[in-house]
Amino acid sequence: MGNVVEMMGKFLEFKEKQVETEIMQQERARSNVHEDEFPILVCIAVVDSMEDMSDDEKVLAYDVFKDPQNRAIFMTAKDST
């Protein structure tokens, strides 16, 4: 009986690790989609084409683009904003 309990415990540990690994892989896949969806080079090119922004403002924008969510917001916002 002791062997069965021990085997079940090991099986449960294995399944927990398997689920954790799957969750981590899904999270990585989601974050990679966001990063690739709005590449930093494209965002910088858009900012560089904005003639009404000063060079200082452009440099500040480049720093903001380090975050994938900020790039997504920038690229999906309306032109007037």
N, C-alpha and C. Protein backbone atom coordinates (compact mmCIF):
# COMPACT_ATOMS: atom_id res chain seq x y z
N MET A 1 0.82 -1.20 0.00
CA MET A 1 0.00 0.00 0.00
C MET A 1 0.86 1.26 0.00
N GLY A 2 2.01 1.20 0.72
CA GLY A 2 2.91 2.35 0.80
C GLY A 2 3.47 2.73 -0.56
N ASN A 3 3.76 1.72 -1.38
CA ASN A 3 4.30 1.99 -2.72
C ASN A 3 3.29 2.71 -3.60
N VAL A 4 2.03 2.34 -3.47
CA VAL A 4 0.98 2.97 -4.27
C VAL A 4 0.85 4.44 -3.89
N VAL A 5 0.87 4.73 -2.60
CA VAL A 5 0.75 6.12 -2.14
C VAL A 5 1.95 6.93 -2.62
N GLU A 6 3.14 6.33 -2.53
CA GLU A 6 4.35 7.01 -2.98
C GLU A 6 4.30 7.27 -4.48
N MET A 7 3.87 6.28 -5.24
CA MET A 7 3.77 6.43 -6.69
C MET A 7 2.75 7.50 -7.07
N MET A 8 1.62 7.52 -6.36
CA MET A 8 0.59 8.54 -6.64
C MET A 8 1.13 9.94 -6.32
N GLY A 9 1.88 10.06 -5.24
CA GLY A 9 2.47 11.35 -4.89
C GLY A 9 3.43 11.82 -5.96
N LYS A 10 4.28 10.92 -6.46
CA LYS A 10 5.22 11.27 -7.52
C LYS A 10 4.48 11.62 -8.81
N PHE A 11 3.41 10.89 -9.09
CA PHE A 11 2.62 11.19 -10.29
C PHE A 11 2.01 12.58 -10.19
N LEU A 12 1.47 12.93 -9.03
CA LEU A 12 0.88 14.26 -8.84
C LEU A 12 1.94 15.36 -8.99
N GLU A 13 3.12 15.14 -8.44
CA GLU A 13 4.21 16.11 -8.60
C GLU A 13 4.56 16.28 -10.07
N PHE A 14 4.63 15.17 -10.79
CA PHE A 14 4.94 15.21 -12.22
C PHE A 14 3.89 16.02 -12.98
N LYS A 15 2.61 15.77 -12.69
CA LYS A 15 1.53 16.48 -13.39
C LYS A 15 1.55 17.97 -13.06
N GLU A 16 1.85 18.32 -11.80
CA GLU A 16 1.92 19.73 -11.43
C GLU A 16 3.03 20.43 -12.21
N LYS A 17 4.19 19.79 -12.30
CA LYS A 17 5.30 20.38 -13.05
C LYS A 17 4.95 20.51 -14.53
N GLN A 18 4.25 19.51 -15.05
CA GLN A 18 3.84 19.53 -16.45
C GLN A 18 2.90 20.71 -16.72
N VAL A 19 1.95 20.94 -15.84
CA VAL A 19 1.01 22.05 -15.99
C VAL A 19 1.75 23.38 -15.90
N GLU A 20 2.67 23.50 -14.94
CA GLU A 20 3.45 24.73 -14.79
C GLU A 20 4.25 25.02 -16.07
N THR A 21 4.86 24.00 -16.63
CA THR A 21 5.63 24.15 -17.87
C THR A 21 4.74 24.61 -19.01
N GLU A 22 3.57 24.03 -19.14
CA GLU A 22 2.64 24.42 -20.20
C GLU A 22 2.20 25.87 -20.04
N ILE A 23 1.92 26.28 -18.81
CA ILE A 23 1.50 27.66 -18.55
C ILE A 23 2.62 28.62 -18.93
N MET A 24 3.85 28.29 -18.55
CA MET A 24 4.99 29.16 -18.89
C MET A 24 5.17 29.25 -20.40
N GLN A 25 5.00 28.15 -21.10
CA GLN A 25 5.14 28.17 -22.56
C GLN A 25 4.05 29.02 -23.21
N GLN A 26 2.84 28.94 -22.68
CA GLN A 26 1.74 29.75 -23.21
C GLN A 26 2.00 31.23 -22.97
N GLU A 27 2.49 31.57 -21.78
CA GLU A 27 2.79 32.97 -21.47
C GLU A 27 3.89 33.51 -22.38
N ARG A 28 4.92 32.70 -22.62
CA ARG A 28 5.99 33.12 -23.52
C ARG A 28 5.47 33.33 -24.93
N ALA A 29 4.61 32.43 -25.37
CA ALA A 29 4.05 32.53 -26.72
C ALA A 29 3.23 33.81 -26.85
N ARG A 30 2.43 34.12 -25.83
CA ARG A 30 1.63 35.35 -25.86
C ARG A 30 2.50 36.59 -25.88
N SER A 31 3.53 36.62 -25.06
CA SER A 31 4.39 37.81 -25.02
C SER A 31 5.18 37.95 -26.31
N ASN A 32 5.58 36.86 -26.94
CA ASN A 32 6.29 36.93 -28.22
C ASN A 32 5.41 37.49 -29.31
N VAL A 33 4.13 37.16 -29.30
CA VAL A 33 3.21 37.69 -30.31
C VAL A 33 3.13 39.20 -30.19
N HIS A 34 3.03 39.70 -28.94
CA HIS A 34 2.92 41.14 -28.75
C HIS A 34 4.20 41.84 -29.17
N GLU A 35 5.34 41.26 -28.85
CA GLU A 35 6.60 41.90 -29.20
C GLU A 35 6.77 41.94 -30.72
N ASP A 36 6.41 40.88 -31.40
CA ASP A 36 6.59 40.82 -32.84
C ASP A 36 5.50 41.58 -33.60
N GLU A 37 4.38 41.78 -32.97
CA GLU A 37 3.26 42.42 -33.64
C GLU A 37 3.58 43.88 -33.98
N PHE A 38 4.28 44.56 -33.08
CA PHE A 38 4.64 45.96 -33.28
C PHE A 38 6.14 46.12 -33.01
N PRO A 39 6.97 45.80 -33.99
CA PRO A 39 8.43 45.87 -33.78
C PRO A 39 8.89 47.29 -33.44
N ILE A 40 9.88 47.36 -32.61
CA ILE A 40 10.38 48.65 -32.16
C ILE A 40 10.90 49.49 -33.33
N LEU A 41 11.49 48.85 -34.32
CA LEU A 41 12.00 49.60 -35.48
C LEU A 41 10.88 50.29 -36.26
N VAL A 42 9.73 49.66 -36.34
CA VAL A 42 8.59 50.26 -37.03
C VAL A 42 8.09 51.47 -36.24
N CYS A 43 8.00 51.32 -34.92
CA CYS A 43 7.55 52.44 -34.09
C CYS A 43 8.50 53.63 -34.20
N ILE A 44 9.78 53.35 -34.19
CA ILE A 44 10.77 54.43 -34.31
C ILE A 44 10.65 55.11 -35.68
N ALA A 45 10.43 54.34 -36.71
CA ALA A 45 10.28 54.92 -38.04
C ALA A 45 9.06 55.85 -38.10
N VAL A 46 7.99 55.45 -37.44
CA VAL A 46 6.78 56.30 -37.42
C VAL A 46 7.08 57.60 -36.68
N VAL A 47 7.74 57.50 -35.53
CA VAL A 47 8.07 58.71 -34.77
C VAL A 47 9.01 59.60 -35.57
N ASP A 48 10.00 59.01 -36.23
CA ASP A 48 10.94 59.80 -37.02
C ASP A 48 10.24 60.56 -38.15
N SER A 49 9.14 60.02 -38.63
CA SER A 49 8.42 60.69 -39.72
C SER A 49 7.52 61.82 -39.23
N MET A 50 7.37 61.95 -37.93
CA MET A 50 6.52 63.00 -37.36
C MET A 50 7.32 64.30 -37.27
N GLU A 51 7.03 65.20 -38.16
CA GLU A 51 7.79 66.44 -38.26
C GLU A 51 7.50 67.42 -37.12
N ASP A 52 6.35 67.29 -36.48
CA ASP A 52 6.00 68.25 -35.44
C ASP A 52 6.58 67.88 -34.07
N MET A 53 7.34 66.80 -33.98
CA MET A 53 7.97 66.41 -32.72
C MET A 53 9.42 66.88 -32.69
N SER A 54 9.85 67.38 -31.53
CA SER A 54 11.25 67.78 -31.39
C SER A 54 12.12 66.53 -31.23
N ASP A 55 13.41 66.72 -31.39
CA ASP A 55 14.34 65.60 -31.22
C ASP A 55 14.28 65.06 -29.79
N ASP A 56 14.13 65.95 -28.82
CA ASP A 56 14.04 65.52 -27.42
C ASP A 56 12.79 64.65 -27.18
N GLU A 57 11.69 65.05 -27.78
CA GLU A 57 10.46 64.26 -27.65
C GLU A 57 10.61 62.89 -28.30
N LYS A 58 11.29 62.86 -29.42
CA LYS A 58 11.52 61.58 -30.10
C LYS A 58 12.37 60.64 -29.26
N VAL A 59 13.39 61.17 -28.63
CA VAL A 59 14.25 60.35 -27.76
C VAL A 59 13.43 59.78 -26.60
N LEU A 60 12.56 60.58 -26.03
CA LEU A 60 11.70 60.09 -24.95
C LEU A 60 10.78 58.98 -25.45
N ALA A 61 10.27 59.14 -26.65
CA ALA A 61 9.39 58.12 -27.22
C ALA A 61 10.14 56.81 -27.42
N TYR A 62 11.38 56.88 -27.85
CA TYR A 62 12.17 55.66 -28.06
C TYR A 62 12.28 54.86 -26.77
N ASP A 63 12.46 55.55 -25.66
CA ASP A 63 12.58 54.86 -24.37
C ASP A 63 11.26 54.17 -24.01
N VAL A 64 10.16 54.81 -24.33
CA VAL A 64 8.84 54.24 -24.04
C VAL A 64 8.62 52.97 -24.85
N PHE A 65 9.21 52.88 -26.03
CA PHE A 65 9.00 51.74 -26.91
C PHE A 65 9.69 50.46 -26.43
N LYS A 66 10.44 50.53 -25.35
CA LYS A 66 11.07 49.32 -24.81
C LYS A 66 10.01 48.34 -24.30
N ASP A 67 8.85 48.84 -23.96
CA ASP A 67 7.75 48.01 -23.45
C ASP A 67 6.82 47.64 -24.61
N PRO A 68 6.59 46.34 -24.85
CA PRO A 68 5.73 45.91 -25.96
C PRO A 68 4.31 46.47 -25.87
N GLN A 69 3.78 46.62 -24.67
CA GLN A 69 2.44 47.17 -24.52
C GLN A 69 2.39 48.63 -24.96
N ASN A 70 3.43 49.38 -24.64
CA ASN A 70 3.48 50.78 -25.07
C ASN A 70 3.55 50.89 -26.58
N ARG A 71 4.29 49.98 -27.21
CA ARG A 71 4.35 49.99 -28.68
C ARG A 71 2.98 49.70 -29.27
N ALA A 72 2.27 48.75 -28.68
CA ALA A 72 0.93 48.40 -29.17
C ALA A 72 -0.02 49.59 -29.03
N ILE A 73 0.05 50.27 -27.90
CA ILE A 73 -0.80 51.43 -27.69
C ILE A 73 -0.49 52.51 -28.72
N PHE A 74 0.79 52.78 -28.92
CA PHE A 74 1.21 53.81 -29.87
C PHE A 74 0.73 53.50 -31.28
N MET A 75 0.90 52.26 -31.68
CA MET A 75 0.59 51.89 -33.06
C MET A 75 -0.91 51.77 -33.32
N THR A 76 -1.71 51.57 -32.29
CA THR A 76 -3.14 51.40 -32.49
C THR A 76 -3.95 52.64 -32.14
N ALA A 77 -3.32 53.63 -31.53
CA ALA A 77 -4.03 54.86 -31.20
C ALA A 77 -4.36 55.62 -32.47
N LYS A 78 -5.41 56.43 -32.41
CA LYS A 78 -5.78 57.26 -33.55
C LYS A 78 -4.71 58.30 -33.83
N ASP A 79 -4.59 58.69 -35.07
CA ASP A 79 -3.56 59.65 -35.47
C ASP A 79 -3.68 60.97 -34.70
N SER A 80 -4.87 61.37 -34.38
CA SER A 80 -5.06 62.67 -33.73
C SER A 80 -4.54 62.67 -32.29
N THR A 81 -4.33 61.49 -31.72
CA THR A 81 -3.84 61.45 -30.34
C THR A 81 -2.35 61.34 -30.32
